[in-house]
Amino acid sequence: MTARGPDAATSYELRIGGHLDQRWSTWFDGFTLTRHDDGTTTLHGVVRDQSELHGLLNRVRDLGTTLISVTPLATPTHDDTDADSR
């Protein structure tokens, strides 16, 4: 297994305070928004690189809501045997 570089596409989950409806999905570059009973919203989607991640975080800041967490999620990678065959 190899570590992902800082510019590798990665799935992320961001949890923010407050409820956002689905219309905000477009503003958040197509991320899926899920509202929770505890008054928070999670955003799920793929970020291509660190620059795009920072842009996403800036949008959360500009919205004026509280950023609770940012979690990189496991993303499918190429099979390790593919790398061994090179």
Protein backbone atom coordinates (compact mmCIF):
# COMPACT_ATOMS: atom_id res chain seq x y z
CA MET A 1 0.00 0.00 0.00
CA THR A 2 1.27 3.47 -0.82
CA ALA A 3 0.36 6.70 0.90
CA ARG A 4 -1.73 9.17 -1.04
CA GLY A 5 -0.01 12.35 -2.01
CA PRO A 6 -1.40 15.75 -1.06
CA ASP A 7 -2.92 16.13 -4.52
CA ALA A 8 -4.74 12.78 -4.72
CA ALA A 9 -8.54 12.75 -5.02
CA THR A 10 -10.15 11.81 -1.71
CA SER A 11 -13.70 11.44 -0.45
CA TYR A 12 -14.53 13.67 2.50
CA GLU A 13 -17.27 14.08 5.05
CA LEU A 14 -17.71 17.54 6.54
CA ARG A 15 -20.08 18.05 9.46
CA ILE A 16 -21.41 21.54 10.02
CA GLY A 17 -23.79 23.13 12.49
CA GLY A 18 -27.29 23.86 11.26
CA HIS A 19 -29.52 22.38 8.60
CA LEU A 20 -28.93 23.02 4.90
CA ASP A 21 -31.40 21.85 2.30
CA GLN A 22 -30.44 20.13 -0.96
CA ARG A 23 -30.36 23.38 -2.95
CA TRP A 24 -27.00 24.11 -1.30
CA SER A 25 -25.56 21.00 -2.98
CA THR A 26 -24.83 23.01 -6.13
CA TRP A 27 -23.00 25.69 -4.15
CA PHE A 28 -20.93 22.94 -2.54
CA ASP A 29 -19.88 21.52 -5.93
CA GLY A 30 -22.39 18.69 -5.99
CA PHE A 31 -21.67 17.32 -2.52
CA THR A 32 -24.47 15.25 -1.02
CA LEU A 33 -26.06 16.95 1.98
CA THR A 34 -27.65 14.96 4.79
CA ARG A 35 -29.53 16.65 7.63
CA HIS A 36 -29.43 15.03 11.06
CA ASP A 37 -31.80 15.16 14.04
CA ASP A 38 -29.08 16.75 16.18
CA GLY A 39 -29.27 19.96 14.13
CA THR A 40 -26.21 19.28 11.98
CA THR A 41 -25.64 18.60 8.29
CA THR A 42 -23.03 16.35 6.73
CA LEU A 43 -21.60 16.99 3.29
CA HIS A 44 -20.16 14.03 1.38
CA GLY A 45 -18.15 14.23 -1.81
CA VAL A 46 -14.85 13.88 -3.60
CA VAL A 47 -12.19 16.54 -3.47
CA ARG A 48 -9.58 16.39 -6.23
CA ASP A 49 -6.73 18.06 -4.36
CA GLN A 50 -5.80 20.17 -1.36
CA SER A 51 -6.58 23.40 -3.20
CA GLU A 52 -10.14 22.24 -3.80
CA LEU A 53 -10.44 21.19 -0.14
CA HIS A 54 -9.40 24.67 0.99
CA GLY A 55 -11.96 26.19 -1.38
CA LEU A 56 -14.65 23.98 0.14
CA LEU A 57 -13.63 25.02 3.64
CA ASN A 58 -13.77 28.68 2.55
CA ARG A 59 -17.37 28.15 1.42
CA VAL A 60 -18.28 26.77 4.85
CA ARG A 61 -16.63 29.83 6.40
CA ASP A 62 -18.44 32.20 4.01
CA LEU A 63 -21.75 30.56 4.88
CA GLY A 64 -21.16 31.59 8.49
CA THR A 65 -21.91 28.19 9.96
CA THR A 66 -19.82 26.21 12.46
CA LEU A 67 -17.44 23.60 11.04
CA ILE A 68 -17.62 20.63 13.40
CA SER A 69 -15.41 18.09 11.65
CA VAL A 70 -13.58 17.23 8.44
CA THR A 71 -13.03 13.51 7.87
CA PRO A 72 -11.21 11.93 4.93
CA LEU A 73 -12.98 8.71 3.98
CA ALA A 74 -11.52 5.53 2.58
CA THR A 75 -11.52 5.64 -1.20
CA PRO A 76 -10.97 2.70 -3.51
CA THR A 77 -7.38 2.47 -4.66
CA HIS A 78 -5.72 0.44 -7.36
CA ASP A 79 -5.10 -3.16 -6.42
CA ASP A 80 -1.63 -3.54 -4.87
CA THR A 81 -0.89 -6.33 -7.37
CA ASP A 82 -1.16 -3.80 -10.19
CA ALA A 83 1.70 -1.81 -8.68
CA ASP A 84 3.76 -4.98 -8.22
CA SER A 85 3.42 -5.91 -11.89
CA ARG A 86 5.02 -2.71 -13.12
